[in-house]
PDB file of N, CA and C in Angstrom:
ATOM      1  N   MET A   1       0.853  -1.193   0.000  1.00  0.00           N
ATOM      2  CA  MET A   1       0.000   0.000   0.000  1.00  0.00           C
ATOM      3  C   MET A   1       0.887   1.241   0.000  1.00  0.00           C
ATOM      4  N   PHE A   2       0.426   2.297  -0.627  1.00  0.00           N
ATOM      5  CA  PHE A   2       1.220   3.507  -0.712  1.00  0.00           C
ATOM      6  C   PHE A   2       0.987   4.413   0.493  1.00  0.00           C
ATOM      7  N   SER A   3       1.908   5.324   0.693  1.00  0.00           N
ATOM      8  CA  SER A   3       1.840   6.262   1.809  1.00  0.00           C
ATOM      9  C   SER A   3       1.915   7.683   1.280  1.00  0.00           C
ATOM     10  N   PHE A   4       1.147   8.563   1.888  1.00  0.00           N
ATOM     11  CA  PHE A   4       1.201   9.969   1.494  1.00  0.00           C
ATOM     12  C   PHE A   4       2.348  10.695   2.191  1.00  0.00           C
ATOM     13  N   GLU A   5       3.124   9.981   3.000  1.00  0.00           N
ATOM     14  CA  GLU A   5       4.240  10.593   3.707  1.00  0.00           C
ATOM     15  C   GLU A   5       5.506  10.525   2.864  1.00  0.00           C
ATOM     16  N   ASN A   6       5.381  10.754   1.589  1.00  0.00           N
ATOM     17  CA  ASN A   6       6.505  10.762   0.660  1.00  0.00           C
ATOM     18  C   ASN A   6       6.889  12.193   0.350  1.00  0.00           C
ATOM     19  N   ASP A   7       7.918  12.326  -0.433  1.00  0.00           N
ATOM     20  CA  ASP A   7       8.329  13.626  -0.923  1.00  0.00           C
ATOM     21  C   ASP A   7       7.131  14.309  -1.586  1.00  0.00           C
ATOM     22  N   PRO A   8       6.806  15.532  -1.174  1.00  0.00           N
ATOM     23  CA  PRO A   8       5.636  16.224  -1.745  1.00  0.00           C
ATOM     24  C   PRO A   8       5.692  16.366  -3.262  1.00  0.00           C
ATOM     25  N   LEU A   9       6.883  16.491  -3.836  1.00  0.00           N
ATOM     26  CA  LEU A   9       6.989  16.606  -5.290  1.00  0.00           C
ATOM     27  C   LEU A   9       6.620  15.300  -5.979  1.00  0.00           C
ATOM     28  N   LEU A  10       6.966  14.165  -5.372  1.00  0.00           N
ATOM     29  CA  LEU A  10       6.554  12.876  -5.927  1.00  0.00           C
ATOM     30  C   LEU A  10       5.036  12.738  -5.891  1.00  0.00           C
ATOM     31  N   VAL A  11       4.449  13.139  -4.778  1.00  0.00           N
ATOM     32  CA  VAL A  11       2.989  13.067  -4.654  1.00  0.00           C
ATOM     33  C   VAL A  11       2.334  13.950  -5.696  1.00  0.00           C
ATOM     34  N   GLU A  12       2.870  15.141  -5.899  1.00  0.00           N
ATOM     35  CA  GLU A  12       2.322  16.068  -6.890  1.00  0.00           C
ATOM     36  C   GLU A  12       2.439  15.494  -8.303  1.00  0.00           C
ATOM     37  N   ASP A  13       3.584  14.914  -8.634  1.00  0.00           N
ATOM     38  CA  ASP A  13       3.744  14.314  -9.965  1.00  0.00           C
ATOM     39  C   ASP A  13       2.813  13.120 -10.147  1.00  0.00           C
ATOM     40  N   ARG A  14       2.632  12.322  -9.118  1.00  0.00           N
ATOM     41  CA  ARG A  14       1.697  11.196  -9.215  1.00  0.00           C
ATOM     42  C   ARG A  14       0.281  11.694  -9.492  1.00  0.00           C
ATOM     43  N   GLU A  15      -0.123  12.722  -8.764  1.00  0.00           N
ATOM     44  CA  GLU A  15      -1.465  13.277  -8.957  1.00  0.00           C
ATOM     45  C   GLU A  15      -1.602  13.916 -10.340  1.00  0.00           C
ATOM     46  N   ASP A  16      -0.547  14.564 -10.821  1.00  0.00           N
ATOM     47  CA  ASP A  16      -0.564  15.128 -12.170  1.00  0.00           C
ATOM     48  C   ASP A  16      -0.735  14.030 -13.211  1.00  0.00           C
ATOM     49  N   LEU A  17      -0.005  12.925 -13.050  1.00  0.00           N
ATOM     50  CA  LEU A  17      -0.117  11.811 -13.982  1.00  0.00           C
ATOM     51  C   LEU A  17      -1.533  11.249 -13.985  1.00  0.00           C
ATOM     52  N   ILE A  18      -2.098  11.054 -12.823  1.00  0.00           N
ATOM     53  CA  ILE A  18      -3.469  10.537 -12.722  1.00  0.00           C
ATOM     54  C   ILE A  18      -4.451  11.500 -13.384  1.00  0.00           C
ATOM     55  N   ALA A  19      -4.263  12.801 -13.172  1.00  0.00           N
ATOM     56  CA  ALA A  19      -5.158  13.798 -13.772  1.00  0.00           C
ATOM     57  C   ALA A  19      -5.069  13.774 -15.296  1.00  0.00           C
ATOM     58  N   VAL A  20      -3.855  13.706 -15.839  1.00  0.00           N
ATOM     59  CA  VAL A  20      -3.697  13.665 -17.299  1.00  0.00           C
ATOM     60  C   VAL A  20      -4.358  12.407 -17.861  1.00  0.00           C
ATOM     61  N   LEU A  21      -4.156  11.273 -17.195  1.00  0.00           N
ATOM     62  CA  LEU A  21      -4.781  10.029 -17.658  1.00  0.00           C
ATOM     63  C   LEU A  21      -6.299  10.127 -17.655  1.00  0.00           C
ATOM     64  N   ARG A  22      -6.853  10.727 -16.626  1.00  0.00           N
ATOM     65  CA  ARG A  22      -8.314  10.875 -16.564  1.00  0.00           C
ATOM     66  C   ARG A  22      -8.823  11.808 -17.648  1.00  0.00           C
ATOM     67  N   ILE A  23      -8.105  12.884 -17.890  1.00  0.00           N
ATOM     68  CA  ILE A  23      -8.509  13.821 -18.946  1.00  0.00           C
ATOM     69  C   ILE A  23      -8.454  13.145 -20.309  1.00  0.00           C
ATOM     70  N   ARG A  24      -7.375  12.410 -20.575  1.00  0.00           N
ATOM     71  CA  ARG A  24      -7.181  11.786 -21.887  1.00  0.00           C
ATOM     72  C   ARG A  24      -8.037  10.548 -22.104  1.00  0.00           C
ATOM     73  N   PHE A  25      -8.151   9.698 -21.059  1.00  0.00           N
ATOM     74  CA  PHE A  25      -8.723   8.372 -21.266  1.00  0.00           C
ATOM     75  C   PHE A  25      -9.945   8.056 -20.406  1.00  0.00           C
ATOM     76  N   GLY A  26     -10.356   8.964 -19.539  1.00  0.00           N
ATOM     77  CA  GLY A  26     -11.530   8.717 -18.709  1.00  0.00           C
ATOM     78  C   GLY A  26     -11.170   8.028 -17.401  1.00  0.00           C
ATOM     79  N   VAL A  27     -12.072   7.220 -16.915  1.00  0.00           N
ATOM     80  CA  VAL A  27     -11.918   6.549 -15.624  1.00  0.00           C
ATOM     81  C   VAL A  27     -10.737   5.575 -15.686  1.00  0.00           C
ATOM     82  N   ILE A  28      -9.918   5.589 -14.639  1.00  0.00           N
ATOM     83  CA  ILE A  28      -8.812   4.633 -14.555  1.00  0.00           C
ATOM     84  C   ILE A  28      -9.002   3.787 -13.301  1.00  0.00           C
ATOM     85  N   SER A  29      -8.461   2.601 -13.326  1.00  0.00           N
ATOM     86  CA  SER A  29      -8.691   1.635 -12.243  1.00  0.00           C
ATOM     87  C   SER A  29      -7.906   1.984 -10.985  1.00  0.00           C
ATOM     88  N   GLY A  30      -8.406   1.484  -9.878  1.00  0.00           N
ATOM     89  CA  GLY A  30      -7.705   1.636  -8.608  1.00  0.00           C
ATOM     90  C   GLY A  30      -6.352   0.942  -8.621  1.00  0.00           C
ATOM     91  N   GLU A  31      -6.273  -0.171  -9.347  1.00  0.00           N
ATOM     92  CA  GLU A  31      -5.005  -0.891  -9.451  1.00  0.00           C
ATOM     93  C   GLU A  31      -3.949  -0.037 -10.155  1.00  0.00           C
ATOM     94  N   LEU A  32      -4.358   0.688 -11.194  1.00  0.00           N
ATOM     95  CA  LEU A  32      -3.415   1.550 -11.889  1.00  0.00           C
ATOM     96  C   LEU A  32      -2.994   2.708 -10.993  1.00  0.00           C
ATOM     97  N   ILE A  33      -3.931   3.265 -10.254  1.00  0.00           N
ATOM     98  CA  ILE A  33      -3.594   4.349  -9.328  1.00  0.00           C
ATOM     99  C   ILE A  33      -2.583   3.851  -8.295  1.00  0.00           C
ATOM    100  N   GLN A  34      -2.799   2.662  -7.764  1.00  0.00           N
ATOM    101  CA  GLN A  34      -1.851   2.111  -6.798  1.00  0.00           C
ATOM    102  C   GLN A  34      -0.487   1.893  -7.440  1.00  0.00           C
ATOM    103  N   ALA A  35      -0.467   1.391  -8.685  1.00  0.00           N
ATOM    104  CA  ALA A  35       0.804   1.184  -9.388  1.00  0.00           C
ATOM    105  C   ALA A  35       1.538   2.511  -9.561  1.00  0.00           C
ATOM    106  N   ILE A  36       0.798   3.571  -9.858  1.00  0.00           N
ATOM    107  CA  ILE A  36       1.416   4.893 -10.003  1.00  0.00           C
ATOM    108  C   ILE A  36       2.003   5.344  -8.674  1.00  0.00           C
ATOM    109  N   TYR A  37       1.293   5.093  -7.584  1.00  0.00           N
ATOM    110  CA  TYR A  37       1.792   5.499  -6.271  1.00  0.00           C
ATOM    111  C   TYR A  37       2.965   4.655  -5.791  1.00  0.00           C
ATOM    112  N   GLU A  38       3.241   3.552  -6.448  1.00  0.00           N
ATOM    113  CA  GLU A  38       4.415   2.747  -6.107  1.00  0.00           C
ATOM    114  C   GLU A  38       5.664   3.229  -6.830  1.00  0.00           C
ATOM    115  N   ILE A  39       5.504   4.121  -7.802  1.00  0.00           N
ATOM    116  CA  ILE A  39       6.655   4.684  -8.515  1.00  0.00           C
ATOM    117  C   ILE A  39       7.304   5.722  -7.610  1.00  0.00           C
ATOM    118  N   ASP A  40       8.585   5.556  -7.361  1.00  0.00           N
ATOM    119  CA  ASP A  40       9.270   6.468  -6.440  1.00  0.00           C
ATOM    120  C   ASP A  40      10.433   7.215  -7.085  1.00  0.00           C
ATOM    121  N   GLU A  41      10.419   7.296  -8.406  1.00  0.00           N
ATOM    122  CA  GLU A  41      11.461   8.038  -9.117  1.00  0.00           C
ATOM    123  C   GLU A  41      10.835   9.187  -9.895  1.00  0.00           C
ATOM    124  N   MET A  42      11.325  10.380  -9.615  1.00  0.00           N
ATOM    125  CA  MET A  42      10.809  11.593 -10.242  1.00  0.00           C
ATOM    126  C   MET A  42      10.921  11.540 -11.768  1.00  0.00           C
ATOM    127  N   ASN A  43      12.059  11.083 -12.286  1.00  0.00           N
ATOM    128  CA  ASN A  43      12.245  11.033 -13.742  1.00  0.00           C
ATOM    129  C   ASN A  43      11.240  10.104 -14.407  1.00  0.00           C
ATOM    130  N   THR A  44      10.952   8.985 -13.787  1.00  0.00           N
ATOM    131  CA  THR A  44       9.978   8.048 -14.341  1.00  0.00           C
ATOM    132  C   THR A  44       8.597   8.675 -14.368  1.00  0.00           C
ATOM    133  N   LEU A  45       8.211   9.340 -13.293  1.00  0.00           N
ATOM    134  CA  LEU A  45       6.896   9.983 -13.252  1.00  0.00           C
ATOM    135  C   LEU A  45       6.784  11.073 -14.308  1.00  0.00           C
ATOM    136  N   GLN A  46       7.818  11.866 -14.462  1.00  0.00           N
ATOM    137  CA  GLN A  46       7.769  12.943 -15.449  1.00  0.00           C
ATOM    138  C   GLN A  46       7.709  12.383 -16.870  1.00  0.00           C
ATOM    139  N   ARG A  47       8.429  11.296 -17.133  1.00  0.00           N
ATOM    140  CA  ARG A  47       8.362  10.648 -18.449  1.00  0.00           C
ATOM    141  C   ARG A  47       6.963  10.112 -18.698  1.00  0.00           C
ATOM    142  N   LEU A  48       6.347   9.537 -17.680  1.00  0.00           N
ATOM    143  CA  LEU A  48       5.000   8.992 -17.841  1.00  0.00           C
ATOM    144  C   LEU A  48       3.955  10.093 -18.029  1.00  0.00           C
ATOM    145  N   ILE A  49       4.160  11.246 -17.420  1.00  0.00           N
ATOM    146  CA  ILE A  49       3.259  12.374 -17.652  1.00  0.00           C
ATOM    147  C   ILE A  49       3.320  12.778 -19.124  1.00  0.00           C
ATOM    148  N   LEU A  50       4.530  12.859 -19.677  1.00  0.00           N
ATOM    149  CA  LEU A  50       4.677  13.177 -21.102  1.00  0.00           C
ATOM    150  C   LEU A  50       4.053  12.097 -21.974  1.00  0.00           C
ATOM    151  N   ALA A  51       4.258  10.843 -21.599  1.00  0.00           N
ATOM    152  CA  ALA A  51       3.666   9.744 -22.366  1.00  0.00           C
ATOM    153  C   ALA A  51       2.150   9.805 -22.310  1.00  0.00           C
ATOM    154  N   ALA A  52       1.587  10.078 -21.147  1.00  0.00           N
ATOM    155  CA  ALA A  52       0.133  10.158 -21.013  1.00  0.00           C
ATOM    156  C   ALA A  52      -0.436  11.292 -21.859  1.00  0.00           C
ATOM    157  N   ALA A  53       0.289  12.392 -21.936  1.00  0.00           N
ATOM    158  CA  ALA A  53      -0.185  13.544 -22.702  1.00  0.00           C
ATOM    159  C   ALA A  53      -0.056  13.334 -24.204  1.00  0.00           C
ATOM    160  N   ASN A  54       0.871  12.481 -24.633  1.00  0.00           N
ATOM    161  CA  ASN A  54       1.169  12.361 -26.058  1.00  0.00           C
ATOM    162  C   ASN A  54       0.828  11.023 -26.694  1.00  0.00           C
ATOM    163  N   ALA A  55       0.561  10.022 -25.912  1.00  0.00           N
ATOM    164  CA  ALA A  55       0.224   8.713 -26.490  1.00  0.00           C
ATOM    165  C   ALA A  55      -1.125   8.812 -27.201  1.00  0.00           C
ATOM    166  N   PRO A  56      -1.217   8.313 -28.424  1.00  0.00           N
ATOM    167  CA  PRO A  56      -2.474   8.428 -29.160  1.00  0.00           C
ATOM    168  C   PRO A  56      -3.573   7.507 -28.637  1.00  0.00           C
ATOM    169  N   ASN A  57      -3.188   6.496 -27.856  1.00  0.00           N
ATOM    170  CA  ASN A  57      -4.213   5.600 -27.314  1.00  0.00           C
ATOM    171  C   ASN A  57      -3.731   4.981 -26.013  1.00  0.00           C
ATOM    172  N   TRP A  58      -4.656   4.342 -25.330  1.00  0.00           N
ATOM    173  CA  TRP A  58      -4.404   3.768 -24.016  1.00  0.00           C
ATOM    174  C   TRP A  58      -3.299   2.706 -24.067  1.00  0.00           C
ATOM    175  N   GLN A  59      -3.313   1.857 -25.084  1.00  0.00           N
ATOM    176  CA  GLN A  59      -2.355   0.765 -25.174  1.00  0.00           C
ATOM    177  C   GLN A  59      -0.921   1.270 -25.252  1.00  0.00           C
ATOM    178  N   ILE A  60      -0.698   2.335 -25.998  1.00  0.00           N
ATOM    179  CA  ILE A  60       0.651   2.904 -26.095  1.00  0.00           C
ATOM    180  C   ILE A  60       1.106   3.399 -24.730  1.00  0.00           C
ATOM    181  N   PHE A  61       0.204   4.037 -23.984  1.00  0.00           N
ATOM    182  CA  PHE A  61       0.588   4.486 -22.636  1.00  0.00           C
ATOM    183  C   PHE A  61       0.932   3.295 -21.746  1.00  0.00           C
ATOM    184  N   ILE A  62       0.118   2.243 -21.769  1.00  0.00           N
ATOM    185  CA  ILE A  62       0.361   1.072 -20.936  1.00  0.00           C
ATOM    186  C   ILE A  62       1.714   0.441 -21.284  1.00  0.00           C
ATOM    187  N   GLU A  63       2.050   0.369 -22.561  1.00  0.00           N
ATOM    188  CA  GLU A  63       3.354  -0.155 -22.967  1.00  0.00           C
ATOM    189  C   GLU A  63       4.481   0.673 -22.362  1.00  0.00           C
ATOM    190  N   GLU A  64       4.324   1.982 -22.355  1.00  0.00           N
ATOM    191  CA  GLU A  64       5.342   2.862 -21.776  1.00  0.00           C
ATOM    192  C   GLU A  64       5.415   2.672 -20.262  1.00  0.00           C
ATOM    193  N   LEU A  65       4.280   2.532 -19.615  1.00  0.00           N
ATOM    194  CA  LEU A  65       4.241   2.301 -18.170  1.00  0.00           C
ATOM    195  C   LEU A  65       4.967   0.999 -17.826  1.00  0.00           C
ATOM    196  N   GLN A  66       4.754  -0.024 -18.619  1.00  0.00           N
ATOM    197  CA  GLN A  66       5.351  -1.325 -18.344  1.00  0.00           C
ATOM    198  C   GLN A  66       6.828  -1.392 -18.729  1.00  0.00           C
ATOM    199  N   SER A  67       7.327  -0.395 -19.455  1.00  0.00           N
ATOM    200  CA  SER A  67       8.723  -0.422 -19.878  1.00  0.00           C
ATOM    201  C   SER A  67       9.676  -0.167 -18.715  1.00  0.00           C
ATOM    202  N   GLY A  68       9.166   0.324 -17.602  1.00  0.00           N
ATOM    203  CA  GLY A  68       9.989   0.509 -16.417  1.00  0.00           C
ATOM    204  C   GLY A  68      10.874   1.729 -16.470  1.00  0.00           C
ATOM    205  N   LYS A  69      11.765   1.792 -15.487  1.00  0.00           N
ATOM    206  CA  LYS A  69      12.608   2.981 -15.354  1.00  0.00           C
ATOM    207  C   LYS A  69      13.743   3.034 -16.363  1.00  0.00           C
ATOM    208  N   ASP A  70      14.000   1.940 -17.084  1.00  0.00           N
ATOM    209  CA  ASP A  70      15.083   1.933 -18.066  1.00  0.00           C
ATOM    210  C   ASP A  70      14.727   2.695 -19.336  1.00  0.00           C
ATOM    211  N   SER A  71      13.440   2.908 -19.566  1.00  0.00           N
ATOM    212  CA  SER A  71      13.018   3.678 -20.725  1.00  0.00           C
ATOM    213  C   SER A  71      13.253   5.153 -20.424  1.00  0.00           C
ATOM    214  N   PHE A  72      13.769   5.886 -21.402  1.00  0.00           N
ATOM    215  CA  PHE A  72      14.060   7.288 -21.126  1.00  0.00           C
ATOM    216  C   PHE A  72      13.724   8.230 -22.260  1.00  0.00           C
ATOM    217  N   ARG A  73      13.251   7.723 -23.383  1.00  0.00           N
ATOM    218  CA  ARG A  73      12.954   8.596 -24.514  1.00  0.00           C
ATOM    219  C   ARG A  73      11.635   8.212 -25.146  1.00  0.00           C
ATOM    220  N   LEU A  74      10.869   9.205 -25.508  1.00  0.00           N
ATOM    221  CA  LEU A  74       9.615   9.000 -26.224  1.00  0.00           C
ATOM    222  C   LEU A  74       9.866   9.368 -27.676  1.00  0.00           C
ATOM    223  N   LEU A  75       9.900   8.360 -28.534  1.00  0.00           N
ATOM    224  CA  LEU A  75      10.245   8.604 -29.926  1.00  0.00           C
ATOM    225  C   LEU A  75       9.211   8.045 -30.874  1.00  0.00           C
ATOM    226  N   GLY A  76       9.159   8.619 -32.045  1.00  0.00           N
ATOM    227  CA  GLY A  76       8.399   8.046 -33.139  1.00  0.00           C
ATOM    228  C   GLY A  76       6.937   8.429 -33.151  1.00  0.00           C
ATOM    229  N   GLU A  77       6.271   7.934 -34.162  1.00  0.00           N
ATOM    230  CA  GLU A  77       4.863   8.240 -34.387  1.00  0.00           C
ATOM    231  C   GLU A  77       3.944   7.674 -33.316  1.00  0.00           C
ATOM    232  N   GLU A  78       4.427   6.679 -32.556  1.00  0.00           N
ATOM    233  CA  GLU A  78       3.529   6.149 -31.524  1.00  0.00           C
ATOM    234  C   GLU A  78       3.287   7.157 -30.403  1.00  0.00           C
ATOM    235  N   PHE A  79       4.045   8.265 -30.365  1.00  0.00           N
ATOM    236  CA  PHE A  79       3.786   9.315 -29.399  1.00  0.00           C
ATOM    237  C   PHE A  79       3.265  10.591 -30.040  1.00  0.00           C
ATOM    238  N   ASN A  80       2.658  10.452 -31.187  1.00  0.00           N
ATOM    239  CA  ASN A  80       1.956  11.547 -31.825  1.00  0.00           C
ATOM    240  C   ASN A  80       0.503  11.453 -31.380  1.00  0.00           C
ATOM    241  N   PRO A  81       0.013  12.397 -30.562  1.00  0.00           N
ATOM    242  CA  PRO A  81      -1.350  12.285 -30.056  1.00  0.00           C
ATOM    243  C   PRO A  81      -2.417  12.324 -31.147  1.00  0.00           C
ATOM    244  N   LEU A  82      -2.049  12.733 -32.356  1.00  0.00           N
ATOM    245  CA  LEU A  82      -2.999  12.768 -33.466  1.00  0.00           C
ATOM    246  C   LEU A  82      -2.855  11.569 -34.400  1.00  0.00           C
ATOM    247  N   ALA A  83      -2.004  10.615 -34.037  1.00  0.00           N
ATOM    248  CA  ALA A  83      -1.714   9.489 -34.932  1.00  0.00           C
ATOM    249  C   ALA A  83      -2.967   8.710 -35.303  1.00  0.00           C
ATOM    250  N   ASP A  84      -3.838   8.424 -34.328  1.00  0.00           N
ATOM    251  CA  ASP A  84      -5.049   7.661 -34.632  1.00  0.00           C
ATOM    252  C   ASP A  84      -5.987   8.446 -35.549  1.00  0.00           C
ATOM    253  N   ILE A  85      -6.023   9.758 -35.391  1.00  0.00           N
ATOM    254  CA  ILE A  85      -6.891  10.601 -36.218  1.00  0.00           C
ATOM    255  C   ILE A  85      -6.355  10.667 -37.648  1.00  0.00           C
ATOM    256  N   LEU A  86      -5.030  10.781 -37.768  1.00  0.00           N
ATOM    257  CA  LEU A  86      -4.405  10.934 -39.076  1.00  0.00           C
ATOM    258  C   LEU A  86      -4.201   9.617 -39.805  1.00  0.00           C
ATOM    259  N   LYS A  87      -4.342   8.494 -39.096  1.00  0.00           N
ATOM    260  CA  LYS A  87      -4.134   7.184 -39.716  1.00  0.00           C
ATOM    261  C   LYS A  87      -5.080   7.020 -40.891  1.00  0.00           C
ATOM    262  N   GLY A  88      -4.543   6.584 -41.977  1.00  0.00           N
ATOM    263  CA  GLY A  88      -5.372   6.345 -43.156  1.00  0.00           C
ATOM    264  C   GLY A  88      -5.419   7.526 -44.116  1.00  0.00           C
ATOM    265  N   ARG A  89      -4.890   8.663 -43.697  1.00  0.00           N
ATOM    266  CA  ARG A  89      -4.873   9.797 -44.626  1.00  0.00           C
ATOM    267  C   ARG A  89      -3.736   9.626 -45.604  1.00  0.00           C
ATOM    268  N   GLY A  90      -4.031   9.681 -46.849  1.00  0.00           N
ATOM    269  CA  GLY A  90      -3.005   9.560 -47.894  1.00  0.00           C
ATOM    270  C   GLY A  90      -2.482  10.919 -48.274  1.00  0.00           C
ATOM    271  N   GLU A  91      -1.540  10.935 -49.185  1.00  0.00           N
ATOM    272  CA  GLU A  91      -0.961  12.204 -49.626  1.00  0.00           C
ATOM    273  C   GLU A  91      -2.011  13.074 -50.304  1.00  0.00           C
ATOM    274  N   ASN A  92      -2.965  12.484 -50.972  1.00  0.00           N
ATOM    275  CA  ASN A  92      -3.997  13.259 -51.653  1.00  0.00           C
ATOM    276  C   ASN A  92      -4.980  13.906 -50.700  1.00  0.00           C
ATOM    277  N   ASP A  93      -5.070  13.383 -49.459  1.00  0.00           N
ATOM    278  CA  ASP A  93      -5.993  13.928 -48.482  1.00  0.00           C
ATOM    279  C   ASP A  93      -5.502  15.248 -47.885  1.00  0.00           C
ATOM    280  N   ALA A  94      -4.201  15.452 -47.872  1.00  0.00           N
ATOM    281  CA  ALA A  94      -3.629  16.633 -47.224  1.00  0.00           C
ATOM    282  C   ALA A  94      -3.543  17.789 -48.211  1.00  0.00           C
ATOM    283  N   VAL A  95      -4.679  18.344 -48.574  1.00  0.00           N
ATOM    284  CA  VAL A  95      -4.705  19.440 -49.542  1.00  0.00           C
ATOM    285  C   VAL A  95      -4.850  20.746 -48.826  1.00  0.00           C
TER     286      VAL A  95
END
């Protein structure tokens, strides 16, 4: 179980991550909230906030969450928040 007696900046980043996830994807599970509160590295939380804000879908965010603390860069089209919207547009569509 998590404790609120942690570094206030960690608590703030955890709450920011949860807020971004709710804004982007709606209701999130209690299990995911607990998993977020088990993260105790500031860099990981900040990377996940960026991933939550930029991942085009829930699955991409979950993949980033599961990549652990060794992941450090968000690259490629899978972090384009408009990727799902733009998928299927050909060169002739962009007039």
